[in-house]
N, C-alpha and C. Protein backbone atom coordinates (compact mmCIF):
# COMPACT_ATOMS: atom_id res chain seq x y z
N UNK A 1 -10.37 -5.28 4.34
CA UNK A 1 -9.96 -4.73 5.62
C UNK A 1 -10.55 -3.33 5.74
N UNK A 2 -11.33 -3.13 6.78
CA UNK A 2 -11.91 -1.82 7.00
C UNK A 2 -10.98 -0.96 7.87
N UNK A 3 -11.38 0.25 8.12
CA UNK A 3 -10.55 1.20 8.87
C UNK A 3 -10.24 0.70 10.28
N UNK A 4 -11.23 0.15 10.96
CA UNK A 4 -11.03 -0.34 12.33
C UNK A 4 -10.00 -1.48 12.34
N UNK A 5 -10.09 -2.39 11.38
CA UNK A 5 -9.14 -3.50 11.28
C UNK A 5 -7.74 -2.99 10.93
N UNK A 6 -7.69 -1.99 10.05
CA UNK A 6 -6.42 -1.36 9.68
C UNK A 6 -5.76 -0.76 10.92
N UNK A 7 -6.53 0.02 11.68
CA UNK A 7 -6.00 0.65 12.90
C UNK A 7 -5.44 -0.40 13.84
N UNK A 8 -6.17 -1.48 14.03
CA UNK A 8 -5.75 -2.54 14.94
C UNK A 8 -4.44 -3.16 14.48
N UNK A 9 -4.32 -3.41 13.19
CA UNK A 9 -3.11 -4.05 12.67
C UNK A 9 -1.91 -3.11 12.76
N UNK A 10 -2.11 -1.83 12.50
CA UNK A 10 -1.04 -0.83 12.64
C UNK A 10 -0.57 -0.79 14.09
N UNK A 11 -1.51 -0.74 15.01
CA UNK A 11 -1.19 -0.71 16.44
C UNK A 11 -0.39 -1.95 16.85
N UNK A 12 -0.84 -3.11 16.38
CA UNK A 12 -0.14 -4.36 16.71
C UNK A 12 1.27 -4.39 16.12
N UNK A 13 1.41 -3.94 14.89
CA UNK A 13 2.74 -3.92 14.24
C UNK A 13 3.69 -2.99 14.99
N UNK A 14 3.19 -1.82 15.39
CA UNK A 14 4.02 -0.89 16.16
C UNK A 14 4.49 -1.51 17.46
N UNK A 15 3.60 -2.23 18.13
CA UNK A 15 3.97 -2.89 19.39
C UNK A 15 5.02 -3.98 19.15
N UNK A 16 4.83 -4.76 18.11
CA UNK A 16 5.77 -5.86 17.81
C UNK A 16 7.15 -5.33 17.46
N UNK A 17 7.19 -4.24 16.68
CA UNK A 17 8.47 -3.67 16.25
C UNK A 17 9.03 -2.67 17.25
N UNK A 18 8.28 -2.40 18.33
CA UNK A 18 8.68 -1.42 19.34
C UNK A 18 9.02 -0.08 18.68
N UNK A 19 8.08 0.39 17.84
CA UNK A 19 8.27 1.65 17.13
C UNK A 19 6.96 2.42 17.09
N UNK A 20 7.06 3.72 16.83
CA UNK A 20 5.84 4.51 16.70
C UNK A 20 5.58 4.90 15.25
N UNK A 21 6.31 4.27 14.31
CA UNK A 21 6.09 4.52 12.88
C UNK A 21 6.26 3.23 12.09
N UNK A 22 5.27 2.94 11.24
CA UNK A 22 5.38 1.81 10.33
C UNK A 22 5.05 2.30 8.92
N UNK A 23 5.58 1.60 7.94
CA UNK A 23 5.37 1.95 6.54
C UNK A 23 4.31 1.02 5.95
N UNK A 24 3.32 1.62 5.28
CA UNK A 24 2.25 0.85 4.64
C UNK A 24 2.44 0.95 3.13
N UNK A 25 2.69 -0.20 2.49
CA UNK A 25 3.02 -0.21 1.07
C UNK A 25 1.87 -0.64 0.17
N UNK A 26 1.05 -1.58 0.58
CA UNK A 26 0.02 -2.14 -0.29
C UNK A 26 -1.27 -1.33 -0.33
N UNK A 27 -2.31 -1.95 -0.83
CA UNK A 27 -3.59 -1.27 -1.08
C UNK A 27 -4.18 -0.61 0.16
N UNK A 28 -3.86 -1.13 1.33
CA UNK A 28 -4.43 -0.54 2.55
C UNK A 28 -3.88 0.86 2.83
N UNK A 29 -2.86 1.28 2.09
CA UNK A 29 -2.34 2.64 2.22
C UNK A 29 -3.42 3.67 1.88
N UNK A 30 -4.49 3.25 1.21
CA UNK A 30 -5.57 4.19 0.90
C UNK A 30 -6.13 4.82 2.17
N UNK A 31 -6.08 4.10 3.28
CA UNK A 31 -6.63 4.63 4.53
C UNK A 31 -5.93 5.92 4.96
N UNK A 32 -4.70 6.13 4.51
CA UNK A 32 -3.98 7.34 4.86
C UNK A 32 -4.43 8.55 4.07
N UNK A 33 -5.05 8.34 2.92
CA UNK A 33 -5.36 9.46 2.02
C UNK A 33 -6.84 9.73 1.82
N UNK A 34 -7.68 8.77 2.10
CA UNK A 34 -9.10 8.99 1.82
C UNK A 34 -9.98 8.23 2.80
N UNK A 35 -11.14 8.81 3.06
CA UNK A 35 -12.15 8.14 3.86
C UNK A 35 -13.14 7.41 2.96
N UNK A 36 -12.95 7.53 1.65
CA UNK A 36 -13.86 6.88 0.70
C UNK A 36 -13.84 5.37 0.90
N UNK A 37 -15.00 4.76 0.78
CA UNK A 37 -15.08 3.30 0.83
C UNK A 37 -14.66 2.78 -0.53
N UNK A 38 -13.65 1.94 -0.52
CA UNK A 38 -13.14 1.36 -1.77
C UNK A 38 -13.22 -0.16 -1.63
N UNK A 39 -14.31 -0.75 -2.12
CA UNK A 39 -14.50 -2.20 -1.97
C UNK A 39 -13.31 -3.02 -2.48
N UNK A 40 -12.66 -2.54 -3.52
CA UNK A 40 -11.52 -3.26 -4.09
C UNK A 40 -10.36 -3.35 -3.10
N UNK A 41 -10.30 -2.41 -2.15
CA UNK A 41 -9.28 -2.46 -1.10
C UNK A 41 -9.81 -3.21 0.12
N UNK A 42 -11.08 -3.03 0.43
CA UNK A 42 -11.65 -3.66 1.61
C UNK A 42 -11.78 -5.18 1.47
N UNK A 43 -11.74 -5.68 0.23
CA UNK A 43 -11.78 -7.12 -0.01
C UNK A 43 -10.59 -7.84 0.60
N UNK A 44 -9.48 -7.14 0.64
CA UNK A 44 -8.24 -7.73 1.15
C UNK A 44 -8.32 -7.95 2.65
N UNK A 45 -7.72 -9.04 3.11
CA UNK A 45 -7.68 -9.30 4.56
C UNK A 45 -6.28 -9.09 5.11
N UNK A 46 -5.42 -8.46 4.32
CA UNK A 46 -4.05 -8.23 4.80
C UNK A 46 -3.57 -6.83 4.47
N UNK A 47 -2.65 -6.36 5.30
CA UNK A 47 -2.01 -5.07 5.10
C UNK A 47 -0.51 -5.31 5.01
N UNK A 48 0.13 -4.72 3.99
CA UNK A 48 1.58 -4.85 3.82
C UNK A 48 2.26 -3.81 4.69
N UNK A 49 2.98 -4.29 5.70
CA UNK A 49 3.61 -3.41 6.69
C UNK A 49 5.12 -3.63 6.70
N UNK A 50 5.85 -2.52 6.76
CA UNK A 50 7.30 -2.57 6.82
C UNK A 50 7.79 -1.62 7.90
N UNK A 51 8.95 -1.94 8.44
CA UNK A 51 9.67 -0.97 9.24
C UNK A 51 10.28 0.03 8.25
N UNK A 52 10.57 1.22 8.69
CA UNK A 52 11.15 2.22 7.79
C UNK A 52 12.53 1.78 7.29
N UNK A 53 13.26 1.09 8.15
CA UNK A 53 14.55 0.52 7.76
C UNK A 53 14.53 -0.96 8.11
N UNK A 54 14.74 -1.79 7.12
CA UNK A 54 14.75 -3.24 7.34
C UNK A 54 15.63 -3.87 6.26
N UNK A 55 16.92 -3.55 6.32
CA UNK A 55 17.85 -3.97 5.28
C UNK A 55 17.96 -5.49 5.12
N UNK A 56 17.83 -6.21 6.22
CA UNK A 56 18.02 -7.66 6.14
C UNK A 56 16.71 -8.44 6.21
N UNK A 57 15.57 -7.76 6.28
CA UNK A 57 14.28 -8.43 6.29
C UNK A 57 13.88 -9.05 7.62
N UNK A 58 14.67 -8.86 8.66
CA UNK A 58 14.36 -9.49 9.95
C UNK A 58 13.09 -8.90 10.58
N UNK A 59 12.86 -7.62 10.38
CA UNK A 59 11.65 -7.01 10.94
C UNK A 59 10.41 -7.49 10.19
N UNK A 60 10.54 -7.68 8.87
CA UNK A 60 9.43 -8.24 8.09
C UNK A 60 9.12 -9.64 8.59
N UNK A 61 10.15 -10.42 8.86
CA UNK A 61 9.96 -11.78 9.38
C UNK A 61 9.27 -11.75 10.75
N UNK A 62 9.62 -10.77 11.57
CA UNK A 62 9.01 -10.64 12.90
C UNK A 62 7.51 -10.36 12.76
N UNK A 63 7.15 -9.47 11.83
CA UNK A 63 5.73 -9.18 11.56
C UNK A 63 5.02 -10.46 11.11
N UNK A 64 5.61 -11.13 10.11
CA UNK A 64 5.00 -12.36 9.59
C UNK A 64 4.79 -13.40 10.68
N UNK A 65 5.79 -13.60 11.51
CA UNK A 65 5.72 -14.62 12.54
C UNK A 65 4.74 -14.29 13.66
N UNK A 66 4.53 -13.00 13.90
CA UNK A 66 3.69 -12.58 15.02
C UNK A 66 2.23 -12.35 14.63
N UNK A 67 2.02 -11.60 13.56
CA UNK A 67 0.65 -11.23 13.18
C UNK A 67 0.41 -11.49 11.69
N UNK A 68 1.20 -12.38 11.12
CA UNK A 68 1.11 -12.67 9.69
C UNK A 68 0.09 -13.74 9.34
N UNK A 69 0.15 -14.14 8.09
CA UNK A 69 -0.77 -15.16 7.58
C UNK A 69 -0.62 -16.45 8.38
N UNK A 70 -1.76 -17.06 8.70
CA UNK A 70 -1.85 -18.31 9.46
C UNK A 70 -1.40 -18.18 10.92
N UNK A 71 -1.24 -16.94 11.40
CA UNK A 71 -0.88 -16.72 12.80
C UNK A 71 -2.13 -16.80 13.68
N UNK A 72 -1.90 -16.83 14.97
CA UNK A 72 -3.02 -16.78 15.92
C UNK A 72 -3.77 -15.47 15.74
N UNK A 73 -3.06 -14.40 15.42
CA UNK A 73 -3.69 -13.10 15.16
C UNK A 73 -4.73 -13.24 14.05
N UNK A 74 -4.34 -13.85 12.92
CA UNK A 74 -5.29 -14.02 11.81
C UNK A 74 -6.43 -14.95 12.22
N UNK A 75 -6.08 -16.02 12.90
CA UNK A 75 -7.10 -16.98 13.33
C UNK A 75 -8.13 -16.30 14.23
N UNK A 76 -7.66 -15.41 15.08
CA UNK A 76 -8.53 -14.72 16.04
C UNK A 76 -9.36 -13.63 15.38
N UNK A 77 -8.74 -12.82 14.51
CA UNK A 77 -9.41 -11.63 14.00
C UNK A 77 -9.86 -11.73 12.54
N UNK A 78 -9.31 -12.66 11.78
CA UNK A 78 -9.74 -12.82 10.39
C UNK A 78 -8.99 -11.96 9.39
N UNK A 79 -7.95 -11.28 9.83
CA UNK A 79 -7.09 -10.48 8.96
C UNK A 79 -5.69 -10.53 9.52
N UNK A 80 -4.72 -10.03 8.74
CA UNK A 80 -3.33 -10.15 9.17
C UNK A 80 -2.44 -9.11 8.51
N UNK A 81 -1.20 -9.07 8.96
CA UNK A 81 -0.19 -8.19 8.35
C UNK A 81 0.79 -9.04 7.56
N UNK A 82 1.15 -8.56 6.40
CA UNK A 82 2.20 -9.19 5.59
C UNK A 82 3.46 -8.36 5.84
N UNK A 83 4.46 -8.97 6.42
CA UNK A 83 5.72 -8.27 6.64
C UNK A 83 6.46 -8.10 5.32
N UNK A 84 6.80 -6.88 4.99
CA UNK A 84 7.52 -6.58 3.75
C UNK A 84 8.69 -5.64 4.08
N UNK A 85 9.56 -5.42 3.11
CA UNK A 85 10.64 -4.46 3.27
C UNK A 85 10.33 -3.24 2.41
N UNK A 86 10.97 -2.10 2.70
CA UNK A 86 10.68 -0.88 1.92
C UNK A 86 10.90 -1.04 0.41
N UNK A 87 11.75 -1.96 0.00
CA UNK A 87 12.01 -2.10 -1.44
C UNK A 87 11.12 -3.15 -2.11
N UNK A 88 10.07 -3.59 -1.41
CA UNK A 88 9.14 -4.57 -1.97
C UNK A 88 8.43 -4.01 -3.21
N UNK A 89 8.00 -2.78 -3.13
CA UNK A 89 7.25 -2.17 -4.23
C UNK A 89 8.20 -1.40 -5.15
N UNK A 90 7.87 -1.40 -6.43
CA UNK A 90 8.60 -0.58 -7.40
C UNK A 90 7.92 0.78 -7.42
N UNK A 91 8.69 1.81 -7.08
CA UNK A 91 8.10 3.13 -6.88
C UNK A 91 8.85 4.21 -7.65
N UNK A 92 8.15 5.31 -7.85
CA UNK A 92 8.71 6.48 -8.52
C UNK A 92 9.66 7.20 -7.56
N UNK A 93 10.73 7.76 -8.10
CA UNK A 93 11.69 8.46 -7.23
C UNK A 93 10.98 9.57 -6.44
N UNK A 94 11.43 9.76 -5.22
CA UNK A 94 10.85 10.78 -4.35
C UNK A 94 9.67 10.30 -3.53
N UNK A 95 9.34 9.02 -3.62
CA UNK A 95 8.14 8.51 -2.93
C UNK A 95 8.19 8.73 -1.42
N UNK A 96 9.36 8.61 -0.82
CA UNK A 96 9.45 8.78 0.64
C UNK A 96 9.04 10.20 1.06
N UNK A 97 9.32 11.18 0.21
CA UNK A 97 8.96 12.57 0.53
C UNK A 97 7.46 12.81 0.42
N UNK A 98 6.75 11.88 -0.22
CA UNK A 98 5.30 12.05 -0.42
C UNK A 98 4.45 11.17 0.50
N UNK A 99 5.09 10.45 1.41
CA UNK A 99 4.32 9.57 2.30
C UNK A 99 3.26 10.38 3.06
N UNK A 100 2.11 9.77 3.26
CA UNK A 100 1.01 10.40 3.97
C UNK A 100 0.94 9.78 5.37
N UNK A 101 0.99 10.63 6.39
CA UNK A 101 0.95 10.14 7.76
C UNK A 101 -0.50 9.95 8.21
N UNK A 102 -0.77 8.77 8.71
CA UNK A 102 -2.10 8.45 9.23
C UNK A 102 -1.95 8.03 10.70
N UNK A 103 -2.83 8.58 11.51
CA UNK A 103 -2.86 8.20 12.93
C UNK A 103 -4.28 8.43 13.43
N UNK A 104 -4.73 7.57 14.30
CA UNK A 104 -6.04 7.74 14.93
C UNK A 104 -5.90 7.33 16.39
N UNK A 105 -6.89 7.66 17.21
CA UNK A 105 -6.81 7.21 18.61
C UNK A 105 -6.63 5.68 18.70
N UNK A 106 -7.19 4.95 17.74
CA UNK A 106 -7.13 3.48 17.77
C UNK A 106 -5.75 2.93 17.40
N UNK A 107 -4.87 3.76 16.84
CA UNK A 107 -3.50 3.27 16.54
C UNK A 107 -2.59 3.44 17.75
N UNK A 108 -3.10 4.05 18.81
CA UNK A 108 -2.38 4.15 20.08
C UNK A 108 -1.00 4.78 19.94
N UNK A 109 -0.93 5.87 19.19
CA UNK A 109 0.34 6.59 19.04
C UNK A 109 1.23 6.08 17.92
N UNK A 110 0.84 5.01 17.26
CA UNK A 110 1.62 4.50 16.13
C UNK A 110 1.15 5.20 14.86
N UNK A 111 2.10 5.80 14.15
CA UNK A 111 1.79 6.47 12.89
C UNK A 111 2.04 5.50 11.74
N UNK A 112 1.05 5.45 10.84
CA UNK A 112 1.20 4.66 9.62
C UNK A 112 1.64 5.62 8.52
N UNK A 113 2.82 5.40 7.98
CA UNK A 113 3.29 6.23 6.86
C UNK A 113 2.87 5.50 5.60
N UNK A 114 1.86 6.05 4.94
CA UNK A 114 1.21 5.38 3.82
C UNK A 114 1.68 5.95 2.49
N UNK A 115 1.82 5.06 1.51
CA UNK A 115 2.13 5.53 0.16
C UNK A 115 1.06 6.52 -0.27
N UNK A 116 1.49 7.61 -0.86
CA UNK A 116 0.58 8.59 -1.45
C UNK A 116 -0.15 7.88 -2.60
N UNK A 117 -1.39 8.28 -2.88
CA UNK A 117 -2.24 7.52 -3.81
C UNK A 117 -1.65 7.33 -5.20
N UNK A 118 -0.95 8.31 -5.73
CA UNK A 118 -0.36 8.15 -7.08
C UNK A 118 0.78 7.14 -7.04
N UNK A 119 1.58 7.19 -5.98
CA UNK A 119 2.66 6.22 -5.83
C UNK A 119 2.08 4.82 -5.62
N UNK A 120 1.01 4.74 -4.85
CA UNK A 120 0.33 3.47 -4.62
C UNK A 120 -0.21 2.92 -5.94
N UNK A 121 -0.86 3.77 -6.73
CA UNK A 121 -1.40 3.34 -8.02
C UNK A 121 -0.29 2.75 -8.89
N UNK A 122 0.83 3.46 -8.95
CA UNK A 122 1.95 2.98 -9.78
C UNK A 122 2.49 1.64 -9.30
N UNK A 123 2.62 1.48 -8.00
CA UNK A 123 3.15 0.21 -7.48
C UNK A 123 2.19 -0.93 -7.79
N UNK A 124 0.89 -0.67 -7.70
CA UNK A 124 -0.10 -1.69 -8.02
C UNK A 124 -0.12 -1.97 -9.53
N UNK A 125 0.02 -0.93 -10.33
CA UNK A 125 0.06 -1.13 -11.79
C UNK A 125 1.29 -1.95 -12.18
N UNK A 126 2.39 -1.73 -11.48
CA UNK A 126 3.61 -2.50 -11.75
C UNK A 126 3.42 -3.97 -11.36
N UNK A 127 2.71 -4.23 -10.26
CA UNK A 127 2.47 -5.61 -9.83
C UNK A 127 1.57 -6.34 -10.85
N UNK A 128 0.59 -5.62 -11.38
CA UNK A 128 -0.21 -6.04 -12.53
C UNK A 128 -0.95 -7.37 -12.36
N UNK A 129 -1.34 -7.71 -11.14
CA UNK A 129 -2.20 -8.87 -10.95
C UNK A 129 -3.65 -8.41 -11.16
N UNK A 130 -4.55 -9.33 -11.34
CA UNK A 130 -5.96 -8.98 -11.56
C UNK A 130 -6.48 -8.06 -10.46
N UNK A 131 -6.20 -8.41 -9.19
CA UNK A 131 -6.68 -7.57 -8.09
C UNK A 131 -6.04 -6.19 -8.12
N UNK A 132 -4.80 -6.09 -8.60
CA UNK A 132 -4.13 -4.80 -8.70
C UNK A 132 -4.76 -3.95 -9.80
N UNK A 133 -5.08 -4.58 -10.92
CA UNK A 133 -5.74 -3.84 -12.02
C UNK A 133 -7.10 -3.32 -11.57
N UNK A 134 -7.85 -4.14 -10.84
CA UNK A 134 -9.15 -3.70 -10.32
C UNK A 134 -8.99 -2.52 -9.37
N UNK A 135 -7.99 -2.60 -8.52
CA UNK A 135 -7.71 -1.53 -7.56
C UNK A 135 -7.36 -0.24 -8.30
N UNK A 136 -6.49 -0.32 -9.29
CA UNK A 136 -6.09 0.86 -10.07
C UNK A 136 -7.30 1.48 -10.77
N UNK A 137 -8.13 0.64 -11.35
CA UNK A 137 -9.34 1.12 -12.02
C UNK A 137 -10.25 1.84 -11.02
N UNK A 138 -10.37 1.28 -9.82
CA UNK A 138 -11.22 1.90 -8.79
C UNK A 138 -10.72 3.29 -8.43
N UNK A 139 -9.41 3.46 -8.28
CA UNK A 139 -8.87 4.79 -7.95
C UNK A 139 -9.11 5.78 -9.08
N UNK A 140 -8.96 5.32 -10.32
CA UNK A 140 -9.22 6.18 -11.47
C UNK A 140 -10.71 6.52 -11.56
N UNK A 141 -11.57 5.53 -11.45
CA UNK A 141 -13.01 5.74 -11.56
C UNK A 141 -13.54 6.70 -10.50
N UNK A 142 -12.93 6.70 -9.33
CA UNK A 142 -13.38 7.58 -8.24
C UNK A 142 -12.65 8.92 -8.25
N UNK A 143 -11.85 9.14 -9.29
CA UNK A 143 -11.08 10.40 -9.43
C UNK A 143 -10.21 10.67 -8.21
N UNK A 144 -9.66 9.60 -7.62
CA UNK A 144 -8.76 9.76 -6.49
C UNK A 144 -7.32 9.95 -6.94
N UNK A 145 -7.04 9.64 -8.20
CA UNK A 145 -5.72 9.88 -8.78
C UNK A 145 -5.90 10.65 -10.09
N UNK A 146 -4.88 11.39 -10.43
CA UNK A 146 -4.88 12.22 -11.63
C UNK A 146 -3.97 11.60 -12.69
N UNK A 147 -4.48 11.37 -13.87
CA UNK A 147 -3.71 10.73 -14.94
C UNK A 147 -2.44 11.52 -15.29
N UNK A 148 -2.53 12.83 -15.24
CA UNK A 148 -1.36 13.65 -15.59
C UNK A 148 -0.23 13.43 -14.58
N UNK A 149 -0.55 13.41 -13.31
CA UNK A 149 0.45 13.16 -12.26
C UNK A 149 1.03 11.76 -12.44
N UNK A 150 0.16 10.79 -12.71
CA UNK A 150 0.62 9.41 -12.91
C UNK A 150 1.59 9.33 -14.09
N UNK A 151 1.25 10.01 -15.19
CA UNK A 151 2.15 10.00 -16.36
C UNK A 151 3.52 10.58 -16.03
N UNK A 152 3.52 11.66 -15.26
CA UNK A 152 4.79 12.28 -14.86
C UNK A 152 5.61 11.32 -14.01
N UNK A 153 4.95 10.64 -13.09
CA UNK A 153 5.68 9.74 -12.19
C UNK A 153 6.15 8.46 -12.89
N UNK A 154 5.42 8.00 -13.88
CA UNK A 154 5.86 6.81 -14.62
C UNK A 154 7.28 7.01 -15.12
N UNK A 155 7.56 8.19 -15.61
CA UNK A 155 8.89 8.47 -16.17
C UNK A 155 9.97 8.58 -15.10
N UNK A 156 9.57 8.60 -13.83
CA UNK A 156 10.54 8.69 -12.73
C UNK A 156 10.74 7.36 -12.01
N UNK A 157 10.18 6.29 -12.58
CA UNK A 157 10.39 4.97 -11.98
C UNK A 157 11.76 4.48 -12.42
N UNK A 158 12.56 4.08 -11.45
CA UNK A 158 13.91 3.61 -11.75
C UNK A 158 13.92 2.09 -11.85
N UNK A 159 14.83 1.59 -12.67
CA UNK A 159 15.07 0.15 -12.71
C UNK A 159 14.06 -0.66 -13.51
N UNK A 160 13.25 -0.02 -14.33
CA UNK A 160 12.35 -0.76 -15.20
C UNK A 160 12.61 -0.35 -16.65
N UNK A 161 12.29 -1.22 -17.55
CA UNK A 161 12.56 -0.97 -18.97
C UNK A 161 11.62 0.10 -19.52
N UNK A 162 12.04 0.67 -20.63
CA UNK A 162 11.19 1.67 -21.28
C UNK A 162 9.90 1.01 -21.80
N UNK A 163 9.96 -0.28 -22.13
CA UNK A 163 8.76 -0.99 -22.58
C UNK A 163 7.72 -1.06 -21.45
N UNK A 164 8.18 -1.30 -20.24
CA UNK A 164 7.26 -1.35 -19.09
C UNK A 164 6.65 0.03 -18.88
N UNK A 165 7.48 1.06 -18.93
CA UNK A 165 6.96 2.43 -18.77
C UNK A 165 5.96 2.75 -19.87
N UNK A 166 6.27 2.34 -21.09
CA UNK A 166 5.37 2.59 -22.23
C UNK A 166 4.02 1.90 -22.00
N UNK A 167 4.05 0.69 -21.48
CA UNK A 167 2.81 -0.03 -21.20
C UNK A 167 1.96 0.73 -20.17
N UNK A 168 2.61 1.22 -19.12
CA UNK A 168 1.88 1.99 -18.11
C UNK A 168 1.29 3.26 -18.72
N UNK A 169 2.05 3.93 -19.55
CA UNK A 169 1.56 5.15 -20.19
C UNK A 169 0.38 4.84 -21.11
N UNK A 170 0.41 3.73 -21.81
CA UNK A 170 -0.71 3.32 -22.67
C UNK A 170 -1.95 3.03 -21.82
N UNK A 171 -1.73 2.41 -20.68
CA UNK A 171 -2.85 2.13 -19.76
C UNK A 171 -3.52 3.44 -19.33
N UNK A 172 -2.73 4.46 -19.11
CA UNK A 172 -3.25 5.74 -18.66
C UNK A 172 -3.90 6.54 -19.79
N UNK A 173 -3.48 6.31 -21.02
CA UNK A 173 -3.98 7.08 -22.15
C UNK A 173 -5.39 6.64 -22.56
N UNK A 174 -5.73 5.41 -22.25
CA UNK A 174 -7.03 4.88 -22.67
C UNK A 174 -8.00 4.95 -21.50
N UNK A 175 -9.00 5.82 -21.59
CA UNK A 175 -10.00 5.87 -20.50
C UNK A 175 -10.69 4.52 -20.38
N UNK A 176 -11.03 4.19 -19.17
CA UNK A 176 -11.69 2.91 -18.92
C UNK A 176 -13.08 2.92 -19.55
N UNK A 177 -13.40 1.87 -20.29
CA UNK A 177 -14.69 1.81 -20.99
C UNK A 177 -15.50 0.60 -20.58
N UNK A 178 -15.21 0.05 -19.41
CA UNK A 178 -15.90 -1.17 -18.99
C UNK A 178 -17.29 -0.91 -18.41
N UNK A 179 -17.71 0.34 -18.32
CA UNK A 179 -19.03 0.65 -17.70
C UNK A 179 -20.16 0.36 -18.66
């Protein structure tokens, strides 16, 4: 998903939810923090979008039903929004205070509140799928995240075992040697 597609999906989500602010949780949150081209993020054809408050998941369902996977929106444009709730991602405490606001003329007044890159890295590292590991490596390789900040935030993740935190810290301690 490129920037133009991201803008379009944010605009559509804002219209569907009748709001001028949406939360971006997944890899497409990079659009809020950097103009760098990140192929590992652009490969994705979906953006994880949430309302700021969606305790019962009804707003996520509305996104899915309107512009989600297999919708007319996806059929027409080739990309879609995945409706999620704010608690979908496992995040470090204080993440809401670090959200990065993104807006462009193409979002038509809808602000995308995007996970800050370090919080995004941690959420992707916690998901730990192959595509997430590639994404995390890309952010590290491009020096878009700082290992020291990541280490500090690992210790502020709530609700995960110390073994999980230790694994993340080990991941950060070993520089990537795949080049």
